[in-house]
Each structure stands twice: as structure tokens, then as C-alpha cells.
Amino acid sequence: MDDYTVVHPGACIIMRIPPYYKKPGWQRFFAGVFMGALISWFVFLYMYGVLQEKQIQLLEEQIATIDDLKDQKKLLLEDYEKLNEQNKSKLKIQEIDIEFLDTRKIELAGLTIHQLKTAVKKDLNHLIAKDIETVSRNKELLRQTIENKVYEIDDKNYRLQVYTIYFDTTMEILLKIDLI
């Protein structure tokens, strides 16, 4: 009863650690476990440090890429807004709308009014897809083109006078009809 001692039944039992320091096999085992744990800890720290360094480098590269992309996006948005502003000033005429002011006064038939509208649209059809700015600069020429032409419908001659011209994507022209 070397290893432990019984003092009294019901009393506290005192135990001693087994004397492994006397057995060299156990000493080598514990030394190997200790050295293995120490070496594996250093390998773990080294690998963790290398991997963390790679992760930090990757994050830095990604942050730099994100910053570059944000700058590019900002520049592209500014260019886009400038182009939109320029395109607003370069709108094109897409449609021509003709209206007559005094159709009740002259008492023209609906077919005659339609034929007059068609004839004027045919004369102005070349303006479609032109810049509004360019067409508006030449509005006097446009006015003279309409007013100097005599339209013949059903053996009657009509001359048109331009009352107003509105320039937008749909060019609206208000005309007065004169029977010649």
C-alpha cells in the first residue's frame, strides 16, 4: 500500500500521483507529447500567420479595386449626366401635327381638311429626325415654304398662313386657311 494510505474509514482519502518519474518509458512519452504539442503549436501559429497575411493582402487588394471602381463609376455618372444634358439640347423632331384655326368660318369638308393636312405633312416630312434646334433656327424658311405654296384640292386653290409654330419632339403648326 505504497501508493495510497487509508487513514480512517469514513475519513478523507489521500491519493498520491503515481511515480512515473521513475519509469523512463513514460518519461519519453510525456516528453514526446510535450514536444509534439509545442511543435504543432508553432506550426499552427506559422500557418495561421501566413494565411492571415494572405487574407489581409487580399482584402487590401479588394479595397483598392473597390475604390478604383467607385471612382470610375463616379466619372462615368458625371459623363452620363453631361451627355444627357447635351442630348436634351439635341432632341429630334419625331412627329408633325397640323391644326387649322378657322375651319368653321370657311366651312370646309372633313375630307378637304384631311387632304390639306396630308399635303402640308408631305411637304414637311423631311424635317422628321432633324434637330429641333436646327429646325427652329430656320423657322422663317419653314414659314415661307408653307405660305408661298398654293394647294389645289377638288379644283379649288388654298393658300395657308402660319399662325404659330411650336417646336418640340412633336412639332405643332397652327395654320389659317385662305381660299383663293
N, C-alpha and C. Protein backbone atom coordinates (compact mmCIF):
# COMPACT_ATOMS: atom_id res chain seq x y z
N MET A 1 0.83 -1.18 0.00
CA MET A 1 0.00 0.00 0.00
C MET A 1 0.87 1.24 0.00
N ASP A 2 1.68 1.20 -0.90
CA ASP A 2 2.60 2.31 -1.11
C ASP A 2 1.91 3.52 -1.70
N ASP A 3 1.08 3.23 -2.65
CA ASP A 3 0.57 4.29 -3.48
C ASP A 3 -0.45 5.15 -2.76
N TYR A 4 -1.19 4.63 -1.92
CA TYR A 4 -2.15 5.45 -1.17
C TYR A 4 -2.29 4.90 0.24
N THR A 5 -2.77 5.74 1.10
CA THR A 5 -2.85 5.37 2.50
C THR A 5 -4.28 5.55 2.98
N VAL A 6 -4.79 4.60 3.72
CA VAL A 6 -6.13 4.69 4.27
C VAL A 6 -5.97 5.17 5.71
N VAL A 7 -6.62 6.22 6.02
CA VAL A 7 -6.46 6.78 7.36
C VAL A 7 -7.54 6.24 8.29
N HIS A 8 -8.67 6.43 7.99
CA HIS A 8 -9.76 6.01 8.85
C HIS A 8 -10.98 5.79 7.97
N PRO A 9 -11.78 4.76 8.23
CA PRO A 9 -12.96 4.58 7.40
C PRO A 9 -13.88 5.78 7.59
N GLY A 10 -14.36 6.30 6.51
CA GLY A 10 -15.24 7.47 6.55
C GLY A 10 -14.47 8.76 6.51
N ALA A 11 -13.17 8.71 6.64
CA ALA A 11 -12.37 9.93 6.58
C ALA A 11 -11.96 10.17 5.14
N CYS A 12 -11.35 11.24 4.94
CA CYS A 12 -10.87 11.67 3.62
C CYS A 12 -9.76 10.77 3.14
N ILE A 13 -9.78 10.38 1.89
CA ILE A 13 -8.75 9.52 1.34
C ILE A 13 -7.73 10.40 0.65
N ILE A 14 -6.49 10.23 0.93
CA ILE A 14 -5.41 10.99 0.33
C ILE A 14 -4.77 10.10 -0.72
N MET A 15 -4.63 10.65 -1.93
CA MET A 15 -4.02 9.88 -3.01
C MET A 15 -2.76 10.58 -3.46
N ARG A 16 -1.84 9.80 -3.92
CA ARG A 16 -0.60 10.36 -4.46
C ARG A 16 -0.55 10.10 -5.94
N ILE A 17 0.22 10.94 -6.68
CA ILE A 17 0.42 10.77 -8.11
C ILE A 17 1.33 9.57 -8.28
N PRO A 18 1.05 8.72 -9.26
CA PRO A 18 1.92 7.55 -9.45
C PRO A 18 3.33 8.01 -9.82
N PRO A 19 4.29 7.34 -9.41
CA PRO A 19 5.69 7.76 -9.62
C PRO A 19 6.19 7.40 -11.02
N TYR A 20 5.70 8.14 -12.06
CA TYR A 20 6.14 7.90 -13.43
C TYR A 20 7.54 8.43 -13.68
N TYR A 21 8.02 9.27 -12.77
CA TYR A 21 9.35 9.83 -12.94
C TYR A 21 10.41 8.74 -12.79
N LYS A 22 9.99 7.60 -12.26
CA LYS A 22 10.94 6.52 -12.09
C LYS A 22 10.99 5.61 -13.32
N LYS A 23 9.99 5.73 -14.22
CA LYS A 23 9.93 4.85 -15.39
C LYS A 23 10.29 5.67 -16.63
N PRO A 24 11.39 5.34 -17.31
CA PRO A 24 11.86 6.13 -18.47
C PRO A 24 10.93 6.03 -19.68
N GLY A 25 10.16 5.01 -19.86
CA GLY A 25 9.23 4.89 -20.99
C GLY A 25 8.14 5.96 -20.93
N TRP A 26 7.62 6.13 -19.72
CA TRP A 26 6.61 7.17 -19.54
C TRP A 26 7.22 8.56 -19.67
N GLN A 27 8.41 8.70 -19.20
CA GLN A 27 9.08 10.00 -19.31
C GLN A 27 9.26 10.37 -20.78
N ARG A 28 9.68 9.42 -21.59
CA ARG A 28 9.85 9.69 -23.02
C ARG A 28 8.49 10.00 -23.68
N PHE A 29 7.44 9.29 -23.27
CA PHE A 29 6.11 9.53 -23.83
C PHE A 29 5.64 10.95 -23.53
N PHE A 30 5.73 11.35 -22.24
CA PHE A 30 5.30 12.71 -21.88
C PHE A 30 6.18 13.78 -22.51
N ALA A 31 7.47 13.51 -22.62
CA ALA A 31 8.35 14.47 -23.29
C ALA A 31 7.97 14.58 -24.76
N GLY A 32 7.65 13.45 -25.41
CA GLY A 32 7.23 13.47 -26.82
C GLY A 32 5.92 14.21 -27.00
N VAL A 33 4.97 13.97 -26.06
CA VAL A 33 3.68 14.68 -26.12
C VAL A 33 3.91 16.17 -25.96
N PHE A 34 4.73 16.57 -25.01
CA PHE A 34 5.03 17.98 -24.76
C PHE A 34 5.72 18.61 -25.98
N MET A 35 6.74 17.93 -26.53
CA MET A 35 7.46 18.46 -27.68
C MET A 35 6.55 18.50 -28.91
N GLY A 36 5.72 17.48 -29.10
CA GLY A 36 4.77 17.46 -30.24
C GLY A 36 3.77 18.59 -30.13
N ALA A 37 3.25 18.81 -28.90
CA ALA A 37 2.31 19.91 -28.69
C ALA A 37 2.99 21.24 -28.98
N LEU A 38 4.21 21.41 -28.50
CA LEU A 38 4.97 22.64 -28.71
C LEU A 38 5.25 22.87 -30.20
N ILE A 39 5.69 21.85 -30.90
CA ILE A 39 5.99 21.97 -32.34
C ILE A 39 4.71 22.22 -33.12
N SER A 40 3.63 21.48 -32.79
CA SER A 40 2.37 21.69 -33.52
C SER A 40 1.81 23.08 -33.25
N TRP A 41 2.04 23.60 -32.04
CA TRP A 41 1.58 24.97 -31.73
C TRP A 41 2.33 25.99 -32.59
N PHE A 42 3.65 25.82 -32.73
CA PHE A 42 4.43 26.73 -33.56
C PHE A 42 4.05 26.60 -35.05
N VAL A 43 3.79 25.38 -35.50
CA VAL A 43 3.34 25.18 -36.89
C VAL A 43 1.99 25.85 -37.10
N PHE A 44 1.10 25.68 -36.13
CA PHE A 44 -0.21 26.32 -36.21
C PHE A 44 -0.07 27.84 -36.27
N LEU A 45 0.73 28.41 -35.39
CA LEU A 45 0.93 29.86 -35.40
C LEU A 45 1.52 30.35 -36.72
N TYR A 46 2.49 29.60 -37.26
CA TYR A 46 3.11 29.98 -38.51
C TYR A 46 2.08 29.94 -39.65
N MET A 47 1.34 28.82 -39.74
CA MET A 47 0.35 28.68 -40.80
C MET A 47 -0.76 29.72 -40.65
N TYR A 48 -1.22 29.96 -39.44
CA TYR A 48 -2.25 30.95 -39.19
C TYR A 48 -1.75 32.34 -39.59
N GLY A 49 -0.52 32.64 -39.24
CA GLY A 49 0.06 33.93 -39.58
C GLY A 49 0.20 34.11 -41.09
N VAL A 50 0.65 33.06 -41.79
CA VAL A 50 0.79 33.13 -43.25
C VAL A 50 -0.57 33.31 -43.90
N LEU A 51 -1.54 32.52 -43.44
CA LEU A 51 -2.88 32.63 -44.01
C LEU A 51 -3.50 33.99 -43.72
N GLN A 52 -3.29 34.50 -42.52
CA GLN A 52 -3.82 35.82 -42.18
C GLN A 52 -3.16 36.91 -43.02
N GLU A 53 -1.89 36.76 -43.26
CA GLU A 53 -1.18 37.73 -44.08
C GLU A 53 -1.74 37.72 -45.51
N LYS A 54 -2.00 36.51 -46.04
CA LYS A 54 -2.58 36.41 -47.37
C LYS A 54 -3.98 37.03 -47.39
N GLN A 55 -4.77 36.77 -46.35
CA GLN A 55 -6.11 37.33 -46.28
C GLN A 55 -6.07 38.86 -46.21
N ILE A 56 -5.15 39.38 -45.41
CA ILE A 56 -5.03 40.84 -45.29
C ILE A 56 -4.61 41.43 -46.63
N GLN A 57 -3.68 40.78 -47.32
CA GLN A 57 -3.23 41.26 -48.62
C GLN A 57 -4.40 41.22 -49.62
N LEU A 58 -5.17 40.15 -49.60
CA LEU A 58 -6.32 40.03 -50.49
C LEU A 58 -7.35 41.12 -50.20
N LEU A 59 -7.61 41.36 -48.91
CA LEU A 59 -8.55 42.40 -48.53
C LEU A 59 -8.07 43.78 -48.99
N GLU A 60 -6.79 44.05 -48.84
CA GLU A 60 -6.24 45.34 -49.28
C GLU A 60 -6.39 45.51 -50.79
N GLU A 61 -6.12 44.43 -51.54
CA GLU A 61 -6.28 44.49 -52.99
C GLU A 61 -7.75 44.73 -53.37
N GLN A 62 -8.66 44.06 -52.67
CA GLN A 62 -10.07 44.23 -52.96
C GLN A 62 -10.54 45.63 -52.60
N ILE A 63 -10.05 46.17 -51.49
CA ILE A 63 -10.41 47.53 -51.11
C ILE A 63 -9.91 48.52 -52.15
N ALA A 64 -8.68 48.32 -52.63
CA ALA A 64 -8.14 49.20 -53.68
C ALA A 64 -8.96 49.08 -54.96
N THR A 65 -9.35 47.87 -55.33
CA THR A 65 -10.18 47.66 -56.52
C THR A 65 -11.53 48.33 -56.36
N ILE A 66 -12.14 48.20 -55.19
CA ILE A 66 -13.44 48.81 -54.94
C ILE A 66 -13.33 50.33 -55.03
N ASP A 67 -12.27 50.90 -54.46
CA ASP A 67 -12.08 52.35 -54.54
C ASP A 67 -11.92 52.80 -55.99
N ASP A 68 -11.14 52.05 -56.77
CA ASP A 68 -10.97 52.39 -58.19
C ASP A 68 -12.30 52.32 -58.93
N LEU A 69 -13.07 51.27 -58.66
CA LEU A 69 -14.36 51.12 -59.32
C LEU A 69 -15.34 52.22 -58.92
N LYS A 70 -15.30 52.64 -57.66
CA LYS A 70 -16.15 53.75 -57.22
C LYS A 70 -15.77 55.04 -57.94
N ASP A 71 -14.47 55.27 -58.09
CA ASP A 71 -14.01 56.46 -58.82
C ASP A 71 -14.45 56.40 -60.27
N GLN A 72 -14.30 55.22 -60.91
CA GLN A 72 -14.73 55.07 -62.29
C GLN A 72 -16.23 55.27 -62.43
N LYS A 73 -16.98 54.73 -61.48
CA LYS A 73 -18.43 54.89 -61.51
C LYS A 73 -18.81 56.35 -61.40
N LYS A 74 -18.15 57.06 -60.52
CA LYS A 74 -18.43 58.48 -60.33
C LYS A 74 -18.14 59.25 -61.62
N LEU A 75 -17.00 58.97 -62.27
CA LEU A 75 -16.66 59.64 -63.52
C LEU A 75 -17.65 59.29 -64.63
N LEU A 76 -18.03 58.01 -64.70
CA LEU A 76 -18.98 57.60 -65.72
C LEU A 76 -20.35 58.25 -65.51
N LEU A 77 -20.78 58.36 -64.26
CA LEU A 77 -22.06 59.01 -63.98
C LEU A 77 -22.01 60.49 -64.34
N GLU A 78 -20.88 61.15 -64.07
CA GLU A 78 -20.75 62.55 -64.45
C GLU A 78 -20.79 62.69 -65.97
N ASP A 79 -20.08 61.81 -66.69
CA ASP A 79 -20.10 61.84 -68.15
C ASP A 79 -21.51 61.55 -68.67
N TYR A 80 -22.18 60.60 -68.04
CA TYR A 80 -23.54 60.25 -68.44
C TYR A 80 -24.48 61.45 -68.27
N GLU A 81 -24.36 62.16 -67.15
CA GLU A 81 -25.20 63.32 -66.92
C GLU A 81 -24.88 64.43 -67.93
N LYS A 82 -23.61 64.63 -68.25
CA LYS A 82 -23.23 65.64 -69.26
C LYS A 82 -23.81 65.27 -70.62
N LEU A 83 -23.71 63.99 -70.99
CA LEU A 83 -24.26 63.56 -72.27
C LEU A 83 -25.78 63.71 -72.30
N ASN A 84 -26.43 63.44 -71.18
CA ASN A 84 -27.88 63.63 -71.13
C ASN A 84 -28.24 65.09 -71.33
N GLU A 85 -27.48 65.98 -70.71
CA GLU A 85 -27.73 67.41 -70.89
C GLU A 85 -27.52 67.81 -72.35
N GLN A 86 -26.47 67.29 -72.97
CA GLN A 86 -26.22 67.60 -74.37
C GLN A 86 -27.32 67.02 -75.26
N ASN A 87 -27.77 65.81 -74.94
CA ASN A 87 -28.81 65.18 -75.74
C ASN A 87 -30.15 65.89 -75.60
N LYS A 88 -30.40 66.48 -74.43
CA LYS A 88 -31.63 67.24 -74.26
C LYS A 88 -31.65 68.42 -75.21
N SER A 89 -30.48 69.02 -75.41
CA SER A 89 -30.42 70.15 -76.33
C SER A 89 -30.41 69.67 -77.78
N LYS A 90 -30.19 68.41 -78.03
CA LYS A 90 -30.15 67.85 -79.38
C LYS A 90 -31.34 66.93 -79.64
N LEU A 91 -32.51 67.28 -79.10
CA LEU A 91 -33.68 66.45 -79.33
C LEU A 91 -34.08 66.50 -80.80
N LYS A 92 -34.71 65.47 -81.26
CA LYS A 92 -35.10 65.34 -82.65
C LYS A 92 -36.62 65.49 -82.79
N ILE A 93 -37.03 65.99 -83.94
CA ILE A 93 -38.46 66.06 -84.24
C ILE A 93 -38.90 64.66 -84.64
N GLN A 94 -39.95 64.20 -83.98
CA GLN A 94 -40.42 62.84 -84.23
C GLN A 94 -41.76 62.81 -84.96
N GLU A 95 -42.50 63.90 -84.83
CA GLU A 95 -43.83 63.91 -85.42
C GLU A 95 -44.21 65.34 -85.76
N ILE A 96 -45.03 65.51 -86.78
CA ILE A 96 -45.53 66.83 -87.16
C ILE A 96 -47.04 66.81 -87.02
N ASP A 97 -47.57 67.78 -86.26
CA ASP A 97 -49.00 67.87 -86.02
C ASP A 97 -49.50 69.17 -86.64
N ILE A 98 -50.48 69.09 -87.51
CA ILE A 98 -51.04 70.24 -88.21
C ILE A 98 -52.44 70.50 -87.68
N GLU A 99 -52.72 71.75 -87.32
CA GLU A 99 -54.06 72.16 -86.87
C GLU A 99 -54.47 73.40 -87.65
N PHE A 100 -55.76 73.51 -87.92
CA PHE A 100 -56.29 74.68 -88.62
C PHE A 100 -57.17 75.47 -87.66
N LEU A 101 -57.10 76.81 -87.76
CA LEU A 101 -57.82 77.66 -86.83
C LEU A 101 -59.26 77.94 -87.26
N ASP A 102 -59.46 78.21 -88.51
CA ASP A 102 -60.75 78.72 -88.96
C ASP A 102 -61.50 77.76 -89.86
N THR A 103 -61.61 76.53 -89.48
CA THR A 103 -62.30 75.55 -90.33
C THR A 103 -63.81 75.79 -90.33
N ARG A 104 -64.39 76.31 -89.28
CA ARG A 104 -65.84 76.57 -89.22
C ARG A 104 -66.20 77.79 -90.04
N LYS A 105 -65.32 78.76 -90.05
CA LYS A 105 -65.57 80.01 -90.77
C LYS A 105 -65.66 79.77 -92.27
N ILE A 106 -64.75 78.95 -92.80
CA ILE A 106 -64.71 78.70 -94.23
C ILE A 106 -65.66 77.57 -94.61
N GLU A 107 -66.07 76.76 -93.67
CA GLU A 107 -66.98 75.62 -93.87
C GLU A 107 -66.44 74.64 -94.90
N LEU A 108 -65.29 74.08 -94.57
CA LEU A 108 -64.68 73.07 -95.43
C LEU A 108 -65.11 71.69 -94.98
N ALA A 109 -65.14 70.78 -95.93
CA ALA A 109 -65.50 69.40 -95.63
C ALA A 109 -64.33 68.74 -94.89
N GLY A 110 -64.67 67.72 -94.13
CA GLY A 110 -63.65 67.00 -93.36
C GLY A 110 -62.59 66.38 -94.26
N LEU A 111 -63.00 65.91 -95.43
CA LEU A 111 -62.06 65.31 -96.38
C LEU A 111 -61.08 66.35 -96.91
N THR A 112 -61.56 67.55 -97.18
CA THR A 112 -60.69 68.63 -97.67
C THR A 112 -59.67 69.01 -96.61
N ILE A 113 -60.11 69.11 -95.38
CA ILE A 113 -59.19 69.43 -94.28
C ILE A 113 -58.14 68.33 -94.14
N HIS A 114 -58.56 67.10 -94.24
CA HIS A 114 -57.62 65.98 -94.15
C HIS A 114 -56.63 66.01 -95.32
N GLN A 115 -57.09 66.32 -96.51
CA GLN A 115 -56.19 66.41 -97.66
C GLN A 115 -55.19 67.55 -97.52
N LEU A 116 -55.64 68.68 -96.96
CA LEU A 116 -54.71 69.80 -96.71
C LEU A 116 -53.65 69.40 -95.68
N LYS A 117 -54.07 68.74 -94.61
CA LYS A 117 -53.12 68.28 -93.59
C LYS A 117 -52.11 67.32 -94.19
N THR A 118 -52.59 66.40 -95.00
CA THR A 118 -51.71 65.42 -95.63
C THR A 118 -50.71 66.10 -96.56
N ALA A 119 -51.18 67.09 -97.32
CA ALA A 119 -50.29 67.80 -98.25
C ALA A 119 -49.21 68.58 -97.50
N VAL A 120 -49.58 69.23 -96.40
CA VAL A 120 -48.59 70.00 -95.62
C VAL A 120 -47.61 69.04 -94.95
N LYS A 121 -48.10 67.95 -94.41
CA LYS A 121 -47.21 66.95 -93.78
C LYS A 121 -46.25 66.38 -94.80
N LYS A 122 -46.74 66.16 -96.03
CA LYS A 122 -45.87 65.63 -97.08
C LYS A 122 -44.77 66.63 -97.41
N ASP A 123 -45.10 67.92 -97.42
CA ASP A 123 -44.10 68.95 -97.69
C ASP A 123 -43.07 69.06 -96.56
N LEU A 124 -43.50 68.82 -95.34
CA LEU A 124 -42.62 68.98 -94.17
C LEU A 124 -42.04 67.67 -93.67
N ASN A 125 -42.29 66.59 -94.36
CA ASN A 125 -41.86 65.26 -93.92
C ASN A 125 -40.33 65.15 -93.79
N HIS A 126 -39.61 65.94 -94.55
CA HIS A 126 -38.14 65.89 -94.48
C HIS A 126 -37.59 66.42 -93.15
N LEU A 127 -38.44 67.09 -92.36
CA LEU A 127 -37.99 67.63 -91.06
C LEU A 127 -37.96 66.58 -89.96
N ILE A 128 -38.61 65.46 -90.18
CA ILE A 128 -38.62 64.41 -89.16
C ILE A 128 -37.21 63.87 -89.00
N ALA A 129 -36.79 63.68 -87.77
CA ALA A 129 -35.47 63.20 -87.36
C ALA A 129 -34.39 64.27 -87.50
N LYS A 130 -34.81 65.53 -87.61
CA LYS A 130 -33.85 66.64 -87.61
C LYS A 130 -33.80 67.21 -86.19
N ASP A 131 -32.68 67.88 -85.88
CA ASP A 131 -32.55 68.51 -84.56
C ASP A 131 -33.56 69.64 -84.43
N ILE A 132 -34.19 69.72 -83.27
CA ILE A 132 -35.15 70.79 -83.01
C ILE A 132 -34.46 72.14 -83.09
N GLU A 133 -33.26 72.19 -82.59
CA GLU A 133 -32.50 73.45 -82.60
C GLU A 133 -32.26 73.93 -84.04
N THR A 134 -31.87 73.03 -84.91
CA THR A 134 -31.60 73.38 -86.30
C THR A 134 -32.87 73.84 -87.00
N VAL A 135 -33.96 73.14 -86.80
CA VAL A 135 -35.23 73.49 -87.44
C VAL A 135 -35.73 74.82 -86.91
N SER A 136 -35.59 75.06 -85.61
CA SER A 136 -36.09 76.31 -85.03
C SER A 136 -35.29 77.52 -85.52
N ARG A 137 -34.02 77.33 -85.83
CA ARG A 137 -33.22 78.44 -86.38
C ARG A 137 -33.71 78.82 -87.78
N ASN A 138 -34.30 77.86 -88.47
CA ASN A 138 -34.77 78.09 -89.84
C ASN A 138 -36.30 78.23 -89.89
N LYS A 139 -36.92 78.77 -88.87
CA LYS A 139 -38.37 78.83 -88.84
C LYS A 139 -38.94 79.81 -89.88
N GLU A 140 -38.20 80.84 -90.23
CA GLU A 140 -38.68 81.76 -91.27
C GLU A 140 -38.72 81.06 -92.62
N LEU A 141 -37.74 80.27 -92.91
CA LEU A 141 -37.74 79.49 -94.14
C LEU A 141 -38.90 78.51 -94.15
N LEU A 142 -39.16 77.89 -93.01
CA LEU A 142 -40.28 76.98 -92.87
C LEU A 142 -41.60 77.72 -93.09
N ARG A 143 -41.72 78.90 -92.51
CA ARG A 143 -42.93 79.72 -92.66
C ARG A 143 -43.13 80.08 -94.14
N GLN A 144 -42.07 80.51 -94.80
CA GLN A 144 -42.18 80.89 -96.22
C GLN A 144 -42.52 79.69 -97.10
N THR A 145 -41.98 78.55 -96.75
CA THR A 145 -42.27 77.33 -97.52
C THR A 145 -43.77 77.02 -97.49
N ILE A 146 -44.37 77.16 -96.35
CA ILE A 146 -45.80 76.86 -96.22
C ILE A 146 -46.64 77.95 -96.86
N GLU A 147 -46.31 79.21 -96.60
CA GLU A 147 -47.15 80.31 -97.07
C GLU A 147 -47.04 80.57 -98.56
N ASN A 148 -45.95 80.26 -99.21
CA ASN A 148 -45.77 80.54 -100.63
C ASN A 148 -46.32 79.45 -101.54
N LYS A 149 -46.75 78.36 -100.97
CA LYS A 149 -47.25 77.27 -101.79
C LYS A 149 -48.77 77.35 -101.88
N VAL A 150 -49.26 77.08 -103.07
CA VAL A 150 -50.70 77.04 -103.30
C VAL A 150 -51.10 75.57 -103.39
N TYR A 151 -52.08 75.18 -102.56
CA TYR A 151 -52.54 73.80 -102.51
C TYR A 151 -53.84 73.69 -103.31
N GLU A 152 -53.89 72.79 -104.27
CA GLU A 152 -55.07 72.59 -105.10
C GLU A 152 -55.74 71.29 -104.69
N ILE A 153 -56.99 71.45 -104.23
CA ILE A 153 -57.78 70.29 -103.81
C ILE A 153 -59.20 70.46 -104.37
N ASP A 154 -59.67 69.47 -105.10
CA ASP A 154 -61.01 69.46 -105.70
C ASP A 154 -61.26 70.72 -106.55
N ASP A 155 -60.34 71.06 -107.39
CA ASP A 155 -60.43 72.21 -108.31
C ASP A 155 -60.54 73.54 -107.58
N LYS A 156 -60.13 73.60 -106.34
CA LYS A 156 -60.10 74.87 -105.60
C LYS A 156 -58.67 75.06 -105.10
N ASN A 157 -58.26 76.31 -105.07
CA ASN A 157 -56.91 76.64 -104.63
C ASN A 157 -56.97 77.22 -103.22
N TYR A 158 -56.04 76.75 -102.38
CA TYR A 158 -55.97 77.20 -100.99
C TYR A 158 -54.55 77.69 -100.72
N ARG A 159 -54.48 78.75 -99.98
CA ARG A 159 -53.20 79.25 -99.51
C ARG A 159 -53.28 79.25 -97.98
N LEU A 160 -52.19 78.83 -97.35
CA LEU A 160 -52.15 78.71 -95.89
C LEU A 160 -51.26 79.79 -95.30
N GLN A 161 -51.67 80.31 -94.16
CA GLN A 161 -50.85 81.26 -93.42
C GLN A 161 -50.50 80.64 -92.07
N VAL A 162 -49.24 80.79 -91.71
CA VAL A 162 -48.77 80.21 -90.45
C VAL A 162 -49.16 81.15 -89.32
N TYR A 163 -49.91 80.62 -88.37
CA TYR A 163 -50.28 81.41 -87.20
C TYR A 163 -49.23 81.24 -86.11
N THR A 164 -48.94 80.00 -85.71
CA THR A 164 -47.88 79.72 -84.74
C THR A 164 -47.22 78.39 -85.07
N ILE A 165 -45.97 78.28 -84.60
CA ILE A 165 -45.22 77.03 -84.71
C ILE A 165 -44.63 76.73 -83.34
N TYR A 166 -44.88 75.53 -82.85
CA TYR A 166 -44.31 75.08 -81.58
C TYR A 166 -43.29 73.99 -81.88
N PHE A 167 -42.09 74.16 -81.36
CA PHE A 167 -41.01 73.19 -81.60
C PHE A 167 -40.82 72.33 -80.36
N ASP A 168 -41.02 71.06 -80.56
CA ASP A 168 -40.77 70.06 -79.52
C ASP A 168 -40.55 68.75 -80.27
N THR A 169 -40.54 67.64 -79.57
CA THR A 169 -40.40 66.38 -80.30
C THR A 169 -41.57 66.19 -81.26
N THR A 170 -42.72 66.76 -80.91
CA THR A 170 -43.85 66.85 -81.84
C THR A 170 -43.98 68.31 -82.24
N MET A 171 -43.68 68.61 -83.50
CA MET A 171 -43.76 69.99 -83.98
C MET A 171 -45.22 70.28 -84.31
N GLU A 172 -45.78 71.31 -83.66
CA GLU A 172 -47.18 71.67 -83.87
C GLU A 172 -47.22 72.96 -84.66
N ILE A 173 -48.04 72.95 -85.71
CA ILE A 173 -48.17 74.12 -86.57
C ILE A 173 -49.65 74.47 -86.63
N LEU A 174 -49.98 75.72 -86.29
CA LEU A 174 -51.35 76.22 -86.39
C LEU A 174 -51.42 77.07 -87.65
N LEU A 175 -52.38 76.75 -88.51
CA LEU A 175 -52.49 77.41 -89.81
C LEU A 175 -53.86 78.04 -89.99
N LYS A 176 -53.89 79.11 -90.78
CA LYS A 176 -55.14 79.71 -91.24
C LYS A 176 -55.29 79.38 -92.71
N ILE A 177 -56.51 79.11 -93.12
CA ILE A 177 -56.78 78.73 -94.50
C ILE A 177 -57.39 79.93 -95.22
N ASP A 178 -56.84 80.23 -96.40
CA ASP A 178 -57.38 81.27 -97.26
C ASP A 178 -57.77 80.64 -98.58
N LEU A 179 -59.01 80.90 -99.00
CA LEU A 179 -59.48 80.39 -100.27
C LEU A 179 -59.10 81.40 -101.35
N ILE A 180 -58.48 80.93 -102.41
CA ILE A 180 -58.03 81.84 -103.48
C ILE A 180 -59.04 81.80 -104.60
